[in-house]
Amino acid sequence: MKLRLATLALLAGLWTAPAFAQGCAMCYSTAAGTTKDGQKAISHGVLILLAPPVGFMTLGAGFAVRYGRKRDRAHEIAEPQD
């Protein structure tokens, strides 16, 4: 099981590797040409823009797990096993 999980993680990492090369050359050169304070501001802006989607995905996954556990408990109560 651990081998399958490790293989899946490796394949997912290799599959997403081309996405890291999608940086816009114009955006990169503009960001590289700014001052250190500007680069720091860009980095903070990226983190701030990343927070809402990560938060929504975390909440969605949490609610899905909670719903699944609640459904499983209701199913076990309705149909007790021998």
PDB file of N, CA and C in Angstrom:
ATOM      1  N   MET A   1       0.822  -1.191   0.000  1.00  0.00           N
ATOM      2  CA  MET A   1       0.000   0.000   0.000  1.00  0.00           C
ATOM      3  C   MET A   1       0.871   1.262   0.000  1.00  0.00           C
ATOM      4  N   LYS A   2       1.937   1.242   0.805  1.00  0.00           N
ATOM      5  CA  LYS A   2       2.818   2.403   0.860  1.00  0.00           C
ATOM      6  C   LYS A   2       3.547   2.598  -0.468  1.00  0.00           C
ATOM      7  N   LEU A   3       3.868   1.494  -1.116  1.00  0.00           N
ATOM      8  CA  LEU A   3       4.545   1.589  -2.408  1.00  0.00           C
ATOM      9  C   LEU A   3       3.619   2.213  -3.451  1.00  0.00           C
ATOM     10  N   ARG A   4       2.362   1.808  -3.436  1.00  0.00           N
ATOM     11  CA  ARG A   4       1.399   2.398  -4.374  1.00  0.00           C
ATOM     12  C   ARG A   4       1.232   3.893  -4.120  1.00  0.00           C
ATOM     13  N   LEU A   5       1.135   4.265  -2.849  1.00  0.00           N
ATOM     14  CA  LEU A   5       0.979   5.673  -2.503  1.00  0.00           C
ATOM     15  C   LEU A   5       2.206   6.478  -2.924  1.00  0.00           C
ATOM     16  N   ALA A   6       3.385   5.930  -2.699  1.00  0.00           N
ATOM     17  CA  ALA A   6       4.619   6.616  -3.093  1.00  0.00           C
ATOM     18  C   ALA A   6       4.703   6.742  -4.606  1.00  0.00           C
ATOM     19  N   THR A   7       4.314   5.695  -5.322  1.00  0.00           N
ATOM     20  CA  THR A   7       4.326   5.739  -6.785  1.00  0.00           C
ATOM     21  C   THR A   7       3.327   6.769  -7.294  1.00  0.00           C
ATOM     22  N   LEU A   8       2.152   6.795  -6.686  1.00  0.00           N
ATOM     23  CA  LEU A   8       1.136   7.777  -7.090  1.00  0.00           C
ATOM     24  C   LEU A   8       1.625   9.201  -6.833  1.00  0.00           C
ATOM     25  N   ALA A   9       2.252   9.427  -5.691  1.00  0.00           N
ATOM     26  CA  ALA A   9       2.775  10.761  -5.384  1.00  0.00           C
ATOM     27  C   ALA A   9       3.875  11.160  -6.365  1.00  0.00           C
ATOM     28  N   LEU A  10       4.725  10.228  -6.714  1.00  0.00           N
ATOM     29  CA  LEU A  10       5.795  10.511  -7.670  1.00  0.00           C
ATOM     30  C   LEU A  10       5.217  10.837  -9.046  1.00  0.00           C
ATOM     31  N   LEU A  11       4.245  10.063  -9.484  1.00  0.00           N
ATOM     32  CA  LEU A  11       3.625  10.322 -10.787  1.00  0.00           C
ATOM     33  C   LEU A  11       2.896  11.658 -10.798  1.00  0.00           C
ATOM     34  N   ALA A  12       2.218  11.981  -9.700  1.00  0.00           N
ATOM     35  CA  ALA A  12       1.531  13.277  -9.620  1.00  0.00           C
ATOM     36  C   ALA A  12       2.543  14.416  -9.675  1.00  0.00           C
ATOM     37  N   GLY A  13       3.669  14.252  -9.003  1.00  0.00           N
ATOM     38  CA  GLY A  13       4.708  15.277  -9.044  1.00  0.00           C
ATOM     39  C   GLY A  13       5.302  15.451 -10.421  1.00  0.00           C
ATOM     40  N   LEU A  14       5.537  14.350 -11.112  1.00  0.00           N
ATOM     41  CA  LEU A  14       6.077  14.433 -12.470  1.00  0.00           C
ATOM     42  C   LEU A  14       5.055  14.995 -13.442  1.00  0.00           C
ATOM     43  N   TRP A  15       3.790  14.694 -13.214  1.00  0.00           N
ATOM     44  CA  TRP A  15       2.737  15.164 -14.113  1.00  0.00           C
ATOM     45  C   TRP A  15       2.567  16.682 -14.010  1.00  0.00           C
ATOM     46  N   THR A  16       2.767  17.236 -12.807  1.00  0.00           N
ATOM     47  CA  THR A  16       2.595  18.676 -12.620  1.00  0.00           C
ATOM     48  C   THR A  16       3.871  19.472 -12.888  1.00  0.00           C
ATOM     49  N   ALA A  17       4.987  18.808 -13.120  1.00  0.00           N
ATOM     50  CA  ALA A  17       6.259  19.514 -13.340  1.00  0.00           C
ATOM     51  C   ALA A  17       6.200  20.516 -14.488  1.00  0.00           C
ATOM     52  N   PRO A  18       5.544  20.218 -15.632  1.00  0.00           N
ATOM     53  CA  PRO A  18       5.501  21.219 -16.695  1.00  0.00           C
ATOM     54  C   PRO A  18       4.797  22.515 -16.297  1.00  0.00           C
ATOM     55  N   ALA A  19       3.928  22.470 -15.306  1.00  0.00           N
ATOM     56  CA  ALA A  19       3.231  23.680 -14.873  1.00  0.00           C
ATOM     57  C   ALA A  19       4.197  24.699 -14.283  1.00  0.00           C
ATOM     58  N   PHE A  20       5.302  24.244 -13.715  1.00  0.00           N
ATOM     59  CA  PHE A  20       6.274  25.169 -13.141  1.00  0.00           C
ATOM     60  C   PHE A  20       7.027  25.944 -14.217  1.00  0.00           C
ATOM     61  N   ALA A  21       7.019  25.460 -15.428  1.00  0.00           N
ATOM     62  CA  ALA A  21       7.701  26.134 -16.522  1.00  0.00           C
ATOM     63  C   ALA A  21       6.788  27.103 -17.258  1.00  0.00           C
ATOM     64  N   GLN A  22       5.576  27.302 -16.775  1.00  0.00           N
ATOM     65  CA  GLN A  22       4.611  28.139 -17.464  1.00  0.00           C
ATOM     66  C   GLN A  22       4.723  29.620 -17.097  1.00  0.00           C
ATOM     67  N   GLY A  23       5.757  29.991 -16.369  1.00  0.00           N
ATOM     68  CA  GLY A  23       5.930  31.389 -15.983  1.00  0.00           C
ATOM     69  C   GLY A  23       6.080  32.290 -17.199  1.00  0.00           C
ATOM     70  N   CYS A  24       5.375  33.379 -17.176  1.00  0.00           N
ATOM     71  CA  CYS A  24       5.420  34.348 -18.264  1.00  0.00           C
ATOM     72  C   CYS A  24       6.766  35.077 -18.225  1.00  0.00           C
ATOM     73  N   ALA A  25       7.465  35.087 -19.328  1.00  0.00           N
ATOM     74  CA  ALA A  25       8.778  35.735 -19.375  1.00  0.00           C
ATOM     75  C   ALA A  25       8.662  37.232 -19.108  1.00  0.00           C
ATOM     76  N   MET A  26       7.601  37.841 -19.591  1.00  0.00           N
ATOM     77  CA  MET A  26       7.398  39.270 -19.381  1.00  0.00           C
ATOM     78  C   MET A  26       7.133  39.561 -17.892  1.00  0.00           C
ATOM     79  N   CYS A  27       6.319  38.725 -17.264  1.00  0.00           N
ATOM     80  CA  CYS A  27       6.048  38.904 -15.835  1.00  0.00           C
ATOM     81  C   CYS A  27       7.313  38.685 -15.028  1.00  0.00           C
ATOM     82  N   TYR A  28       8.080  37.670 -15.388  1.00  0.00           N
ATOM     83  CA  TYR A  28       9.308  37.375 -14.657  1.00  0.00           C
ATOM     84  C   TYR A  28      10.291  38.535 -14.765  1.00  0.00           C
ATOM     85  N   SER A  29      10.472  39.062 -15.963  1.00  0.00           N
ATOM     86  CA  SER A  29      11.441  40.144 -16.128  1.00  0.00           C
ATOM     87  C   SER A  29      10.983  41.411 -15.416  1.00  0.00           C
ATOM     88  N   THR A  30       9.694  41.670 -15.398  1.00  0.00           N
ATOM     89  CA  THR A  30       9.179  42.835 -14.683  1.00  0.00           C
ATOM     90  C   THR A  30       9.390  42.677 -13.184  1.00  0.00           C
ATOM     91  N   ALA A  31       9.086  41.495 -12.661  1.00  0.00           N
ATOM     92  CA  ALA A  31       9.257  41.255 -11.230  1.00  0.00           C
ATOM     93  C   ALA A  31      10.734  41.275 -10.847  1.00  0.00           C
ATOM     94  N   ALA A  32      11.589  40.738 -11.711  1.00  0.00           N
ATOM     95  CA  ALA A  32      13.021  40.721 -11.414  1.00  0.00           C
ATOM     96  C   ALA A  32      13.615  42.129 -11.470  1.00  0.00           C
ATOM     97  N   GLY A  33      13.006  43.015 -12.222  1.00  0.00           N
ATOM     98  CA  GLY A  33      13.516  44.373 -12.351  1.00  0.00           C
ATOM     99  C   GLY A  33      13.084  45.301 -11.238  1.00  0.00           C
ATOM    100  N   THR A  34      12.230  44.856 -10.363  1.00  0.00           N
ATOM    101  CA  THR A  34      11.781  45.718  -9.269  1.00  0.00           C
ATOM    102  C   THR A  34      12.796  45.705  -8.134  1.00  0.00           C
ATOM    103  N   THR A  35      12.584  46.592  -7.204  1.00  0.00           N
ATOM    104  CA  THR A  35      13.458  46.659  -6.033  1.00  0.00           C
ATOM    105  C   THR A  35      13.178  45.473  -5.108  1.00  0.00           C
ATOM    106  N   LYS A  36      14.011  45.321  -4.106  1.00  0.00           N
ATOM    107  CA  LYS A  36      13.805  44.235  -3.132  1.00  0.00           C
ATOM    108  C   LYS A  36      12.467  44.386  -2.414  1.00  0.00           C
ATOM    109  N   ASP A  37      12.082  45.626  -2.116  1.00  0.00           N
ATOM    110  CA  ASP A  37      10.791  45.853  -1.467  1.00  0.00           C
ATOM    111  C   ASP A  37       9.646  45.468  -2.401  1.00  0.00           C
ATOM    112  N   GLY A  38       9.804  45.762  -3.679  1.00  0.00           N
ATOM    113  CA  GLY A  38       8.782  45.384  -4.660  1.00  0.00           C
ATOM    114  C   GLY A  38       8.666  43.876  -4.793  1.00  0.00           C
ATOM    115  N   GLN A  39       9.794  43.192  -4.796  1.00  0.00           N
ATOM    116  CA  GLN A  39       9.773  41.730  -4.879  1.00  0.00           C
ATOM    117  C   GLN A  39       9.125  41.128  -3.638  1.00  0.00           C
ATOM    118  N   LYS A  40       9.398  41.736  -2.485  1.00  0.00           N
ATOM    119  CA  LYS A  40       8.784  41.266  -1.249  1.00  0.00           C
ATOM    120  C   LYS A  40       7.270  41.488  -1.290  1.00  0.00           C
ATOM    121  N   ALA A  41       6.849  42.623  -1.828  1.00  0.00           N
ATOM    122  CA  ALA A  41       5.416  42.915  -1.945  1.00  0.00           C
ATOM    123  C   ALA A  41       4.735  41.931  -2.894  1.00  0.00           C
ATOM    124  N   ILE A  42       5.403  41.577  -3.980  1.00  0.00           N
ATOM    125  CA  ILE A  42       4.846  40.608  -4.924  1.00  0.00           C
ATOM    126  C   ILE A  42       4.704  39.243  -4.243  1.00  0.00           C
ATOM    127  N   SER A  43       5.696  38.856  -3.477  1.00  0.00           N
ATOM    128  CA  SER A  43       5.641  37.582  -2.763  1.00  0.00           C
ATOM    129  C   SER A  43       4.493  37.558  -1.754  1.00  0.00           C
ATOM    130  N   HIS A  44       4.321  38.643  -1.025  1.00  0.00           N
ATOM    131  CA  HIS A  44       3.219  38.723  -0.067  1.00  0.00           C
ATOM    132  C   HIS A  44       1.874  38.717  -0.800  1.00  0.00           C
ATOM    133  N   GLY A  45       1.798  39.398  -1.930  1.00  0.00           N
ATOM    134  CA  GLY A  45       0.563  39.417  -2.708  1.00  0.00           C
ATOM    135  C   GLY A  45       0.176  38.039  -3.203  1.00  0.00           C
ATOM    136  N   VAL A  46       1.156  37.269  -3.628  1.00  0.00           N
ATOM    137  CA  VAL A  46       0.880  35.908  -4.096  1.00  0.00           C
ATOM    138  C   VAL A  46       0.337  35.067  -2.944  1.00  0.00           C
ATOM    139  N   LEU A  47       0.934  35.187  -1.780  1.00  0.00           N
ATOM    140  CA  LEU A  47       0.454  34.432  -0.622  1.00  0.00           C
ATOM    141  C   LEU A  47      -0.957  34.845  -0.218  1.00  0.00           C
ATOM    142  N   ILE A  48      -1.233  36.142  -0.284  1.00  0.00           N
ATOM    143  CA  ILE A  48      -2.566  36.628   0.068  1.00  0.00           C
ATOM    144  C   ILE A  48      -3.596  36.117  -0.944  1.00  0.00           C
ATOM    145  N   LEU A  49      -3.246  36.105  -2.225  1.00  0.00           N
ATOM    146  CA  LEU A  49      -4.172  35.607  -3.237  1.00  0.00           C
ATOM    147  C   LEU A  49      -4.335  34.090  -3.177  1.00  0.00           C
ATOM    148  N   LEU A  50      -3.372  33.406  -2.589  1.00  0.00           N
ATOM    149  CA  LEU A  50      -3.447  31.954  -2.472  1.00  0.00           C
ATOM    150  C   LEU A  50      -4.311  31.519  -1.296  1.00  0.00           C
ATOM    151  N   ALA A  51      -4.426  32.350  -0.276  1.00  0.00           N
ATOM    152  CA  ALA A  51      -5.129  31.971   0.946  1.00  0.00           C
ATOM    153  C   ALA A  51      -6.611  31.625   0.739  1.00  0.00           C
ATOM    154  N   PRO A  52      -7.418  32.415   0.029  1.00  0.00           N
ATOM    155  CA  PRO A  52      -8.842  32.062  -0.106  1.00  0.00           C
ATOM    156  C   PRO A  52      -9.095  30.714  -0.801  1.00  0.00           C
ATOM    157  N   PRO A  53      -8.446  30.409  -1.929  1.00  0.00           N
ATOM    158  CA  PRO A  53      -8.722  29.099  -2.527  1.00  0.00           C
ATOM    159  C   PRO A  53      -8.306  27.932  -1.631  1.00  0.00           C
ATOM    160  N   VAL A  54      -7.173  28.073  -0.950  1.00  0.00           N
ATOM    161  CA  VAL A  54      -6.735  27.005  -0.051  1.00  0.00           C
ATOM    162  C   VAL A  54      -7.728  26.868   1.105  1.00  0.00           C
ATOM    163  N   GLY A  55      -8.209  27.979   1.621  1.00  0.00           N
ATOM    164  CA  GLY A  55      -9.198  27.948   2.701  1.00  0.00           C
ATOM    165  C   GLY A  55     -10.491  27.280   2.270  1.00  0.00           C
ATOM    166  N   PHE A  56     -10.988  27.641   1.083  1.00  0.00           N
ATOM    167  CA  PHE A  56     -12.225  27.033   0.588  1.00  0.00           C
ATOM    168  C   PHE A  56     -12.057  25.540   0.345  1.00  0.00           C
ATOM    169  N   MET A  57     -10.926  25.144  -0.199  1.00  0.00           N
ATOM    170  CA  MET A  57     -10.685  23.718  -0.440  1.00  0.00           C
ATOM    171  C   MET A  57     -10.575  22.960   0.881  1.00  0.00           C
ATOM    172  N   THR A  58      -9.939  23.560   1.873  1.00  0.00           N
ATOM    173  CA  THR A  58      -9.822  22.920   3.184  1.00  0.00           C
ATOM    174  C   THR A  58     -11.189  22.762   3.824  1.00  0.00           C
ATOM    175  N   LEU A  59     -12.000  23.815   3.768  1.00  0.00           N
ATOM    176  CA  LEU A  59     -13.345  23.723   4.314  1.00  0.00           C
ATOM    177  C   LEU A  59     -14.174  22.683   3.562  1.00  0.00           C
ATOM    178  N   GLY A  60     -14.069  22.676   2.247  1.00  0.00           N
ATOM    179  CA  GLY A  60     -14.822  21.702   1.452  1.00  0.00           C
ATOM    180  C   GLY A  60     -14.427  20.280   1.776  1.00  0.00           C
ATOM    181  N   ALA A  61     -13.137  20.020   1.889  1.00  0.00           N
ATOM    182  CA  ALA A  61     -12.673  18.676   2.232  1.00  0.00           C
ATOM    183  C   ALA A  61     -13.108  18.310   3.653  1.00  0.00           C
ATOM    184  N   GLY A  62     -13.041  19.259   4.563  1.00  0.00           N
ATOM    185  CA  GLY A  62     -13.480  19.002   5.940  1.00  0.00           C
ATOM    186  C   GLY A  62     -14.957  18.669   6.013  1.00  0.00           C
ATOM    187  N   PHE A  63     -15.782  19.430   5.285  1.00  0.00           N
ATOM    188  CA  PHE A  63     -17.212  19.141   5.276  1.00  0.00           C
ATOM    189  C   PHE A  63     -17.513  17.801   4.611  1.00  0.00           C
ATOM    190  N   ALA A  64     -16.757  17.456   3.586  1.00  0.00           N
ATOM    191  CA  ALA A  64     -16.965  16.172   2.916  1.00  0.00           C
ATOM    192  C   ALA A  64     -16.628  15.013   3.852  1.00  0.00           C
ATOM    193  N   VAL A  65     -15.529  15.122   4.578  1.00  0.00           N
ATOM    194  CA  VAL A  65     -15.151  14.073   5.527  1.00  0.00           C
ATOM    195  C   VAL A  65     -16.183  13.984   6.645  1.00  0.00           C
ATOM    196  N   ARG A  66     -16.609  15.132   7.132  1.00  0.00           N
ATOM    197  CA  ARG A  66     -17.617  15.154   8.198  1.00  0.00           C
ATOM    198  C   ARG A  66     -18.927  14.515   7.732  1.00  0.00           C
ATOM    199  N   TYR A  67     -19.357  14.849   6.535  1.00  0.00           N
ATOM    200  CA  TYR A  67     -20.578  14.266   5.994  1.00  0.00           C
ATOM    201  C   TYR A  67     -20.432  12.757   5.814  1.00  0.00           C
ATOM    202  N   GLY A  68     -19.286  12.318   5.310  1.00  0.00           N
ATOM    203  CA  GLY A  68     -19.049  10.888   5.112  1.00  0.00           C
ATOM    204  C   GLY A  68     -19.085  10.115   6.423  1.00  0.00           C
ATOM    205  N   ARG A  69     -18.469  10.657   7.456  1.00  0.00           N
ATOM    206  CA  ARG A  69     -18.486   9.989   8.759  1.00  0.00           C
ATOM    207  C   ARG A  69     -19.891   9.939   9.333  1.00  0.00           C
ATOM    208  N   LYS A  70     -20.620  11.044   9.186  1.00  0.00           N
ATOM    209  CA  LYS A  70     -21.994  11.095   9.683  1.00  0.00           C
ATOM    210  C   LYS A  70     -22.865  10.083   8.943  1.00  0.00           C
ATOM    211  N   ARG A  71     -22.694   9.981   7.646  1.00  0.00           N
ATOM    212  CA  ARG A  71     -23.456   9.030   6.842  1.00  0.00           C
ATOM    213  C   ARG A  71     -23.101   7.601   7.225  1.00  0.00           C
ATOM    214  N   ASP A  72     -21.823   7.338   7.446  1.00  0.00           N
ATOM    215  CA  ASP A  72     -21.403   5.989   7.837  1.00  0.00           C
ATOM    216  C   ASP A  72     -21.979   5.602   9.196  1.00  0.00           C
ATOM    217  N   ARG A  73     -21.968   6.548  10.151  1.00  0.00           N
ATOM    218  CA  ARG A  73     -22.540   6.260  11.465  1.00  0.00           C
ATOM    219  C   ARG A  73     -24.034   5.992  11.368  1.00  0.00           C
ATOM    220  N   ALA A  74     -24.737   6.768  10.554  1.00  0.00           N
ATOM    221  CA  ALA A  74     -26.176   6.561  10.381  1.00  0.00           C
ATOM    222  C   ALA A  74     -26.446   5.208   9.722  1.00  0.00           C
ATOM    223  N   HIS A  75     -25.606   4.820   8.800  1.00  0.00           N
ATOM    224  CA  HIS A  75     -25.767   3.530   8.124  1.00  0.00           C
ATOM    225  C   HIS A  75     -25.520   2.380   9.095  1.00  0.00           C
ATOM    226  N   GLU A  76     -24.518   2.525   9.979  1.00  0.00           N
ATOM    227  CA  GLU A  76     -24.225   1.467  10.961  1.00  0.00           C
ATOM    228  C   GLU A  76     -25.355   1.331  11.974  1.00  0.00           C
ATOM    229  N   ILE A  77     -25.962   2.433  12.363  1.00  0.00           N
ATOM    230  CA  ILE A  77     -27.066   2.385  13.317  1.00  0.00           C
ATOM    231  C   ILE A  77     -28.302   1.758  12.670  1.00  0.00           C
ATOM    232  N   ALA A  78     -28.565   2.101  11.418  1.00  0.00           N
ATOM    233  CA  ALA A  78     -29.748   1.590  10.729  1.00  0.00           C
ATOM    234  C   ALA A  78     -29.646   0.104  10.460  1.00  0.00           C
ATOM    235  N   GLU A  79     -28.456  -0.375  10.132  1.00  0.00           N
ATOM    236  CA  GLU A  79     -28.256  -1.794   9.799  1.00  0.00           C
ATOM    237  C   GLU A  79     -27.133  -2.361  10.640  1.00  0.00           C
ATOM    238  N   PRO A  80     -27.416  -2.774  11.883  1.00  0.00           N
ATOM    239  CA  PRO A  80     -26.342  -3.347  12.706  1.00  0.00           C
ATOM    240  C   PRO A  80     -25.852  -4.664  12.125  1.00  0.00           C
ATOM    241  N   GLN A  81     -24.542  -4.881  12.221  1.00  0.00           N
ATOM    242  CA  GLN A  81     -23.949  -6.108  11.700  1.00  0.00           C
ATOM    243  C   GLN A  81     -23.897  -7.157  12.802  1.00  0.00           C
ATOM    244  N   ASP A  82     -23.821  -8.436  12.393  1.00  0.00           N
ATOM    245  CA  ASP A  82     -23.780  -9.547  13.350  1.00  0.00           C
ATOM    246  C   ASP A  82     -22.444  -9.649  14.037  1.00  0.00           C
TER     247      ASP A  82
END
